[in-house]
Amino acid sequence: MQPLKQSFQVSYSYSIFFTQDLFHLANDTLGAFFRSFDDASFQRKALCVIDSGFVAHYPNLTQDILTYFATLEETVKLVPSILVLPGGEEAKNDPALFDQIVEAIDQYGIDRHSFVIGIGGGAILDLVGYAAAVSHRGVKHIRIPTTVLSQNDSGVGVKNGINYRGKKNFLGSFAPPIAVFNDLTFLHSLDDRDWRSGIAEAIKVALIKDKVFFEWIEANANALAQRNDEVMAYLIHRCAEMHVEHIRSGDPFEFGSSRPLDFGHWAAHKLEYLTDFQVRHGEAVAIGIALDSVYSTKVGKLRAEELERILAVIQKLGFDLYHPKLAENDKINLRNGLQEFREHLGGRLTIMLLDCIGKGVEVHEMDADLIADAVDYLEGHFSSLLIN
């Protein structure tokens, strides 16, 4: 018998909205979105899952959400229980939290025409998106990111996942949200570390894709560090725009081994685990960017003066360039991160380095001795700062 060949395409489309005071009754952004689903032949429902750390800053949030959805009952009915779960990396490390969301989806009859709404930082959005993606083979999920990192990067993309067997995002899915709502006012809940952390992803995408954007970050580093809303709004919008452009024109479901937007991430993922997540994702990415930038110079790609500009911007924004865990166990632990990264990608190792500011280049091998030299360079840089 002849083999049967199957081929089809699935089109995805979703909008990323930029707003303020999303749950204020005068703001119809969310209401208009739900009313765009005009099939009234069945009752759509919504389950809301909120990051507990975010709720702590907005004690009236759950009541505001209930009040807002009360005006939408003919369009979508919010289920009685709003889940409030721990955010941060704990959300992705505890299987019991995944079970709670799936149990609620089952208990309240959240079907494939209904919605699961995640409100919080990137970790809880990853968890909620994964639970939605595997329940009923895919429940619509809405992301409402509340951190810089999730508004400009992870929250606008198509990936979801949880950590498993000591490996970051070992379990996960490619499941685009049906909509993303970025509320600038939510960023006021962030401490300085979380405000700063998300800027690392903007540095990343600028370095590999857009020299002009990097120069804008360079010129506005002080304003960003001082929490200027106007410059942060531009950074988030531009970074999110570049992120979705890449997804649209590239390999959104990562069938290949190339992941340009993971520049600086192979070391960052390992550093998070080596520090038991005491170093936050954006902080680890900043160090990973510094490490791969130094390595790019050592292999003769990035010019030394460009490297100094990169390191200066990272420092001006308040990031560390080095962590002692990078050098632990004669740097073997760090180098193991390369193998884990390759396994996560599948196929051959593919790492993004820099040819120059604004232009990334992929390589398929890294020299262990030069990685060690790059770590030593950053340690020396760090030590000189302490002396001075």
Protein backbone atom coordinates (compact mmCIF):
# COMPACT_ATOMS: atom_id res chain seq x y z
CA MET A 1 0.00 0.00 0.00
CA GLN A 2 1.15 3.54 -0.75
CA PRO A 3 1.84 5.83 2.19
CA LEU A 4 -0.70 8.57 2.91
CA LYS A 5 0.65 12.08 3.14
CA GLN A 6 -1.00 14.74 5.24
CA SER A 7 -0.36 18.46 5.09
CA PHE A 8 -2.32 21.38 6.51
CA GLN A 9 -1.83 24.83 7.98
CA VAL A 10 -3.36 26.40 11.07
CA SER A 11 -3.60 30.16 11.22
CA TYR A 12 -3.14 31.95 14.55
CA SER A 13 -4.07 35.54 15.25
CA TYR A 14 -4.11 37.46 18.52
CA SER A 15 -3.88 41.06 19.63
CA ILE A 16 -1.68 42.67 22.26
CA PHE A 17 -3.49 45.59 23.86
CA PHE A 18 -1.75 48.45 25.67
CA THR A 19 -3.83 50.22 28.26
CA GLN A 20 -4.05 51.56 31.82
CA ASP A 21 -6.46 50.73 34.67
CA LEU A 22 -7.75 47.66 32.82
CA PHE A 23 -10.44 46.76 35.38
CA HIS A 24 -11.79 50.29 35.83
CA LEU A 25 -15.44 50.34 34.76
CA ALA A 26 -14.71 53.24 32.40
CA ASN A 27 -12.14 51.13 30.52
CA ASP A 28 -13.92 49.03 27.89
CA THR A 29 -10.82 47.38 26.40
CA LEU A 30 -11.48 43.99 27.96
CA GLY A 31 -15.25 44.24 27.58
CA ALA A 32 -15.02 45.04 23.88
CA PHE A 33 -12.74 42.03 23.40
CA PHE A 34 -15.27 39.63 24.94
CA ARG A 35 -18.16 41.16 23.00
CA SER A 36 -16.26 40.44 19.77
CA PHE A 37 -17.28 36.79 20.28
CA ASP A 38 -20.80 37.28 19.00
CA ASP A 39 -22.06 33.68 19.07
CA ALA A 40 -24.71 33.73 21.78
CA SER A 41 -25.79 30.11 21.30
CA PHE A 42 -23.88 28.99 24.39
CA GLN A 43 -22.61 30.47 27.62
CA ARG A 44 -18.90 31.31 27.64
CA LYS A 45 -17.18 31.17 31.01
CA ALA A 46 -13.95 32.54 32.40
CA LEU A 47 -11.67 31.25 35.14
CA CYS A 48 -9.26 33.78 36.61
CA VAL A 49 -5.88 32.82 38.13
CA ILE A 50 -3.89 35.56 39.85
CA ASP A 51 -0.32 35.82 41.13
CA SER A 52 -0.53 36.14 44.94
CA GLY A 53 2.42 38.51 44.99
CA PHE A 54 0.50 40.87 42.72
CA VAL A 55 -2.68 40.65 44.80
CA ALA A 56 -0.67 41.70 47.86
CA HIS A 57 -0.13 45.09 46.19
CA TYR A 58 -3.78 45.44 45.11
CA PRO A 59 -6.00 44.13 47.94
CA ASN A 60 -9.14 45.29 46.11
CA LEU A 61 -8.19 43.56 42.86
CA THR A 62 -10.43 40.51 43.20
CA GLN A 63 -13.44 42.71 44.00
CA ASP A 64 -12.60 45.00 41.07
CA ILE A 65 -12.51 41.97 38.77
CA LEU A 66 -15.84 40.66 40.08
CA THR A 67 -17.43 44.10 39.64
CA TYR A 68 -16.05 44.46 36.12
CA PHE A 69 -17.24 41.02 34.98
CA ALA A 70 -20.69 41.62 36.51
CA THR A 71 -21.23 44.10 33.66
CA LEU A 72 -20.37 41.40 31.10
CA GLU A 73 -22.54 38.49 32.27
CA GLU A 74 -24.54 38.34 29.03
CA THR A 75 -21.25 37.87 27.16
CA VAL A 76 -19.02 35.91 29.53
CA LYS A 77 -19.65 34.58 33.03
CA LEU A 78 -16.81 34.62 35.56
CA VAL A 79 -16.83 31.43 37.63
CA PRO A 80 -17.34 31.94 41.40
CA SER A 81 -13.82 31.08 42.50
CA ILE A 82 -10.83 33.25 41.62
CA LEU A 83 -7.65 31.24 42.14
CA VAL A 84 -4.81 33.09 43.87
CA LEU A 85 -1.58 31.12 43.55
CA PRO A 86 2.08 31.79 44.38
CA GLY A 87 3.99 33.47 41.59
CA GLY A 88 7.69 33.50 40.79
CA GLU A 89 9.57 30.35 39.90
CA GLU A 90 7.72 28.48 42.66
CA ALA A 91 4.70 28.52 40.36
CA LYS A 92 6.60 26.43 37.82
CA ASN A 93 8.30 24.15 40.33
CA ASP A 94 5.25 22.91 42.29
CA PRO A 95 3.09 20.33 40.46
CA ALA A 96 0.30 20.85 43.00
CA LEU A 97 -0.35 24.32 41.56
CA PHE A 98 -0.78 22.86 38.07
CA ASP A 99 -3.24 20.34 39.53
CA GLN A 100 -5.25 23.12 41.18
CA ILE A 101 -5.79 24.90 37.88
CA VAL A 102 -6.75 21.72 36.02
CA GLU A 103 -9.14 20.79 38.84
CA ALA A 104 -10.81 24.21 38.60
CA ILE A 105 -11.11 23.90 34.81
CA ASP A 106 -12.86 20.59 35.36
CA GLN A 107 -14.99 21.69 38.32
CA TYR A 108 -16.36 24.81 36.64
CA GLY A 109 -16.83 23.34 33.18
CA ILE A 110 -14.31 25.54 31.38
CA ASP A 111 -14.63 24.20 27.85
CA ARG A 112 -12.81 25.02 24.62
CA HIS A 113 -15.09 28.00 23.98
CA SER A 114 -14.36 29.47 27.39
CA PHE A 115 -11.32 31.25 28.81
CA VAL A 116 -8.63 30.83 31.42
CA ILE A 117 -7.21 34.22 32.40
CA GLY A 118 -3.74 34.44 33.90
CA ILE A 119 -2.80 37.63 35.76
CA GLY A 120 0.76 37.99 37.02
CA GLY A 121 4.39 37.64 36.13
CA GLY A 122 5.90 35.42 33.47
CA ALA A 123 6.16 32.32 35.66
CA ILE A 124 2.49 32.15 36.56
CA LEU A 125 1.52 32.98 32.96
CA ASP A 126 3.68 30.02 31.86
CA LEU A 127 1.90 27.77 34.37
CA VAL A 128 -1.61 28.97 33.48
CA GLY A 129 -0.91 28.74 29.76
CA TYR A 130 0.38 25.19 30.09
CA ALA A 131 -2.60 24.05 32.16
CA ALA A 132 -4.96 25.62 29.62
CA ALA A 133 -3.10 24.09 26.67
CA VAL A 134 -3.31 20.51 27.95
CA SER A 135 -6.87 20.67 29.34
CA HIS A 136 -9.39 19.46 26.76
CA ARG A 137 -6.45 19.61 24.30
CA GLY A 138 -6.59 23.38 24.44
CA VAL A 139 -8.69 25.94 26.31
CA LYS A 140 -8.44 29.56 25.22
CA HIS A 141 -6.12 31.49 27.50
CA ILE A 142 -5.75 35.21 28.06
CA ARG A 143 -2.59 36.74 29.46
CA ILE A 144 -2.58 39.85 31.61
CA PRO A 145 1.14 40.36 32.37
CA THR A 146 2.05 42.43 35.41
CA THR A 147 5.85 42.67 35.09
CA VAL A 148 8.16 44.32 32.59
CA LEU A 149 9.60 40.92 31.69
CA SER A 150 6.21 39.43 30.87
CA GLN A 151 4.81 42.52 29.14
CA ASN A 152 7.71 42.91 26.73
CA ASP A 153 8.79 39.30 26.20
CA SER A 154 7.39 36.09 27.63
CA GLY A 155 3.78 37.22 27.89
CA VAL A 156 3.47 38.20 24.23
CA GLY A 157 4.93 34.98 22.80
CA VAL A 158 3.55 31.50 22.17
CA LYS A 159 5.35 29.33 24.73
CA ASN A 160 4.12 27.92 28.03
CA GLY A 161 5.73 25.52 30.44
CA ILE A 162 6.69 24.30 33.88
CA ASN A 163 9.94 23.04 35.34
CA TYR A 164 10.41 19.31 35.81
CA ARG A 165 13.21 16.93 36.80
CA GLY A 166 15.39 19.88 37.73
CA LYS A 167 15.24 21.32 34.23
CA LYS A 168 13.70 24.63 33.25
CA ASN A 169 10.61 24.37 31.00
CA PHE A 170 11.06 20.61 30.56
CA LEU A 171 7.29 20.24 30.23
CA GLY A 172 5.57 22.74 28.00
CA SER A 173 3.57 23.60 24.94
CA PHE A 174 3.39 25.99 22.03
CA ALA A 175 -0.06 27.49 22.54
CA PRO A 176 -0.60 31.13 21.58
CA PRO A 177 -2.86 33.19 23.83
CA ILE A 178 -6.10 34.45 22.38
CA ALA A 179 -5.21 37.95 23.61
CA VAL A 180 -2.69 39.82 25.76
CA PHE A 181 -3.53 42.92 27.83
CA ASN A 182 -0.58 45.03 28.96
CA ASP A 183 -1.56 47.50 31.70
CA LEU A 184 1.21 50.00 32.40
CA THR A 185 -0.19 50.89 35.84
CA PHE A 186 0.36 47.31 37.01
CA LEU A 187 4.11 47.89 36.84
CA HIS A 188 3.87 50.24 39.83
CA SER A 189 3.59 47.12 42.01
CA LEU A 190 7.14 46.04 41.13
CA ASP A 191 10.17 46.43 43.35
CA ASP A 192 13.32 47.78 41.76
CA ARG A 193 14.71 44.31 41.01
CA ASP A 194 11.64 43.22 39.06
CA TRP A 195 11.32 46.58 37.30
CA ARG A 196 14.93 46.24 36.15
CA SER A 197 14.79 42.52 35.31
CA GLY A 198 12.54 42.88 32.30
CA ILE A 199 14.87 45.40 30.70
CA ALA A 200 17.37 42.58 30.13
CA GLU A 201 15.12 41.08 27.46
CA ALA A 202 14.98 44.44 25.67
CA ILE A 203 18.79 44.63 25.69
CA LYS A 204 18.85 41.11 24.28
CA VAL A 205 16.55 41.73 21.34
CA ALA A 206 18.20 45.08 20.57
CA LEU A 207 21.67 43.55 20.49
CA ILE A 208 20.75 40.82 18.04
CA LYS A 209 18.32 42.78 15.84
CA ASP A 210 18.29 46.57 16.18
CA LYS A 211 21.30 48.80 16.79
CA VAL A 212 19.10 51.92 16.91
CA PHE A 213 17.01 50.42 19.70
CA PHE A 214 20.17 49.54 21.64
CA GLU A 215 21.37 53.12 21.26
CA TRP A 216 18.00 54.31 22.56
CA ILE A 217 18.38 52.07 25.63
CA GLU A 218 21.93 53.36 26.04
CA ALA A 219 20.71 56.99 25.94
CA ASN A 220 17.78 56.33 28.28
CA ALA A 221 19.47 53.97 30.75
CA ASN A 222 19.33 56.46 33.62
CA ALA A 223 15.65 57.24 33.05
CA LEU A 224 14.85 53.53 32.91
CA ALA A 225 16.77 52.88 36.13
CA GLN A 226 14.89 55.76 37.78
CA ARG A 227 11.52 54.22 36.81
CA ASN A 228 10.35 56.74 34.28
CA ASP A 229 6.92 55.53 33.07
CA GLU A 230 7.11 57.19 29.66
CA VAL A 231 10.41 55.62 28.62
CA MET A 232 9.38 52.26 30.04
CA ALA A 233 6.15 52.36 28.02
CA TYR A 234 8.16 52.85 24.84
CA LEU A 235 10.66 50.11 25.76
CA ILE A 236 7.86 47.60 26.40
CA HIS A 237 6.00 48.44 23.20
CA ARG A 238 9.10 48.30 21.01
CA CYS A 239 10.43 45.13 22.58
CA ALA A 240 7.04 43.40 22.31
CA GLU A 241 6.77 44.57 18.69
CA MET A 242 10.16 43.05 17.83
CA HIS A 243 9.29 39.84 19.67
CA VAL A 244 6.07 39.27 17.71
CA GLU A 245 7.74 40.28 14.44
CA HIS A 246 10.31 37.56 15.04
CA ILE A 247 7.63 34.98 15.80
CA ARG A 248 5.66 35.94 12.70
CA SER A 249 8.62 35.78 10.33
CA GLY A 250 10.63 33.00 11.94
CA ASP A 251 10.04 29.56 13.42
CA PRO A 252 7.29 30.13 16.03
CA PHE A 253 7.00 26.51 17.14
CA GLU A 254 10.77 25.94 17.04
CA PHE A 255 10.82 22.97 14.69
CA GLY A 256 14.46 23.76 13.99
CA SER A 257 17.33 24.18 16.42
CA SER A 258 17.61 27.93 16.00
CA ARG A 259 16.33 30.18 18.79
CA PRO A 260 17.75 33.67 18.25
CA LEU A 261 15.62 35.18 21.03
CA ASP A 262 17.47 32.96 23.50
CA PHE A 263 20.65 35.01 23.18
CA GLY A 264 22.31 34.90 26.61
CA HIS A 265 19.86 32.28 27.87
CA TRP A 266 21.89 29.08 27.90
CA ALA A 267 23.98 30.35 30.81
CA ALA A 268 21.03 32.21 32.35
CA HIS A 269 18.90 29.08 32.66
CA LYS A 270 21.74 27.20 34.34
CA LEU A 271 22.56 30.10 36.64
CA GLU A 272 18.97 30.24 37.85
CA TYR A 273 19.16 26.61 38.93
CA LEU A 274 22.67 26.92 40.40
CA THR A 275 21.44 29.76 42.64
CA ASP A 276 18.20 27.97 43.52
CA PHE A 277 16.41 30.80 41.68
CA GLN A 278 17.76 33.43 44.06
CA VAL A 279 18.96 35.16 40.90
CA ARG A 280 15.85 36.17 38.99
CA HIS A 281 15.38 35.37 35.34
CA GLY A 282 16.09 38.87 34.01
CA GLU A 283 19.13 39.20 36.26
CA ALA A 284 20.44 35.86 35.00
CA VAL A 285 19.78 36.91 31.40
CA ALA A 286 21.79 40.11 31.93
CA ILE A 287 24.74 38.02 33.16
CA GLY A 288 24.24 35.57 30.29
CA ILE A 289 24.27 38.44 27.79
CA ALA A 290 27.48 39.76 29.35
CA LEU A 291 29.07 36.29 29.20
CA ASP A 292 28.17 35.66 25.56
CA SER A 293 29.22 39.18 24.60
CA VAL A 294 32.65 38.63 26.15
CA TYR A 295 32.85 35.25 24.41
CA SER A 296 31.89 36.92 21.09
CA THR A 297 34.86 39.25 21.52
CA LYS A 298 37.22 36.42 22.42
CA VAL A 299 36.38 34.54 19.21
CA GLY A 300 37.07 37.64 17.14
CA LYS A 301 33.53 38.72 16.31
CA LEU A 302 32.40 41.61 18.54
CA ARG A 303 34.82 44.55 18.76
CA ALA A 304 36.27 45.36 22.18
CA GLU A 305 34.85 48.89 22.21
CA GLU A 306 31.36 47.53 21.50
CA LEU A 307 31.76 45.03 24.32
CA GLU A 308 32.56 47.86 26.72
CA ARG A 309 29.43 49.72 25.63
CA ILE A 310 27.31 46.65 26.27
CA LEU A 311 28.78 46.01 29.71
CA ALA A 312 28.46 49.70 30.61
CA VAL A 313 24.72 49.75 29.76
CA ILE A 314 24.07 46.58 31.73
CA GLN A 315 25.84 48.05 34.76
CA LYS A 316 24.19 51.47 34.42
CA LEU A 317 20.81 49.77 34.65
CA GLY A 318 21.89 48.22 37.95
CA PHE A 319 22.61 44.64 36.92
CA ASP A 320 25.51 42.54 38.13
CA LEU A 321 27.80 41.18 35.43
CA TYR A 322 29.00 38.18 37.39
CA HIS A 323 27.89 35.63 39.97
CA PRO A 324 30.29 33.26 41.83
CA LYS A 325 28.18 30.24 40.81
CA LEU A 326 29.47 30.71 37.24
CA ALA A 327 32.91 29.56 38.37
CA GLU A 328 31.81 26.87 40.83
CA ASN A 329 33.17 23.32 40.38
CA ASP A 330 35.87 24.58 38.02
CA LYS A 331 33.08 25.93 35.76
CA ILE A 332 31.91 22.37 34.95
CA ASN A 333 28.39 23.10 36.24
CA LEU A 334 28.08 26.03 33.87
CA ARG A 335 29.40 24.10 30.89
CA ASN A 336 26.86 21.36 31.62
CA GLY A 337 24.27 24.02 30.86
CA LEU A 338 25.34 23.92 27.21
CA GLN A 339 24.50 20.23 26.95
CA GLU A 340 21.15 20.77 28.69
CA PHE A 341 20.40 23.64 26.31
CA ARG A 342 21.19 21.45 23.30
CA GLU A 343 18.92 18.71 24.65
CA HIS A 344 16.11 21.22 25.12
CA LEU A 345 16.53 22.45 21.55
CA GLY A 346 16.97 19.03 20.02
CA GLY A 347 19.44 18.39 17.24
CA ARG A 348 22.73 20.18 17.14
CA LEU A 349 23.75 22.94 19.48
CA THR A 350 22.83 26.39 18.20
CA ILE A 351 23.95 29.46 20.15
CA MET A 352 23.44 33.10 19.22
CA LEU A 353 26.53 35.31 19.49
CA LEU A 354 27.19 38.87 18.33
CA ASP A 355 28.96 39.98 15.17
CA CYS A 356 28.35 43.56 16.22
CA ILE A 357 25.75 45.56 18.11
CA GLY A 358 22.47 44.96 16.31
CA LYS A 359 23.54 41.81 14.47
CA GLY A 360 23.47 38.32 15.89
CA VAL A 361 25.20 35.31 14.38
CA GLU A 362 24.59 31.63 15.11
CA VAL A 363 27.33 29.18 15.98
CA HIS A 364 27.11 25.44 16.56
CA GLU A 365 29.96 24.89 18.98
CA MET A 366 31.56 26.74 21.85
CA ASP A 367 35.08 26.35 23.16
CA ALA A 368 35.09 25.28 26.82
CA ASP A 369 38.38 27.05 27.53
CA LEU A 370 37.10 30.31 26.05
CA ILE A 371 33.90 30.03 28.10
CA ALA A 372 36.14 29.72 31.17
CA ASP A 373 38.16 32.74 30.02
CA ALA A 374 34.95 34.74 29.59
CA VAL A 375 33.88 33.85 33.12
CA ASP A 376 37.30 34.93 34.42
CA TYR A 377 36.99 38.20 32.51
CA LEU A 378 33.65 38.97 34.16
CA GLU A 379 34.97 37.95 37.57
CA GLY A 380 37.90 40.33 37.12
CA HIS A 381 35.53 43.08 36.02
CA PHE A 382 33.38 42.43 39.11
CA SER A 383 36.40 42.38 41.43
CA SER A 384 37.71 45.68 40.09
CA LEU A 385 34.34 47.30 40.81
CA LEU A 386 34.48 46.09 44.41
CA ILE A 387 38.00 47.51 44.83
CA ASN A 388 36.98 50.85 43.37
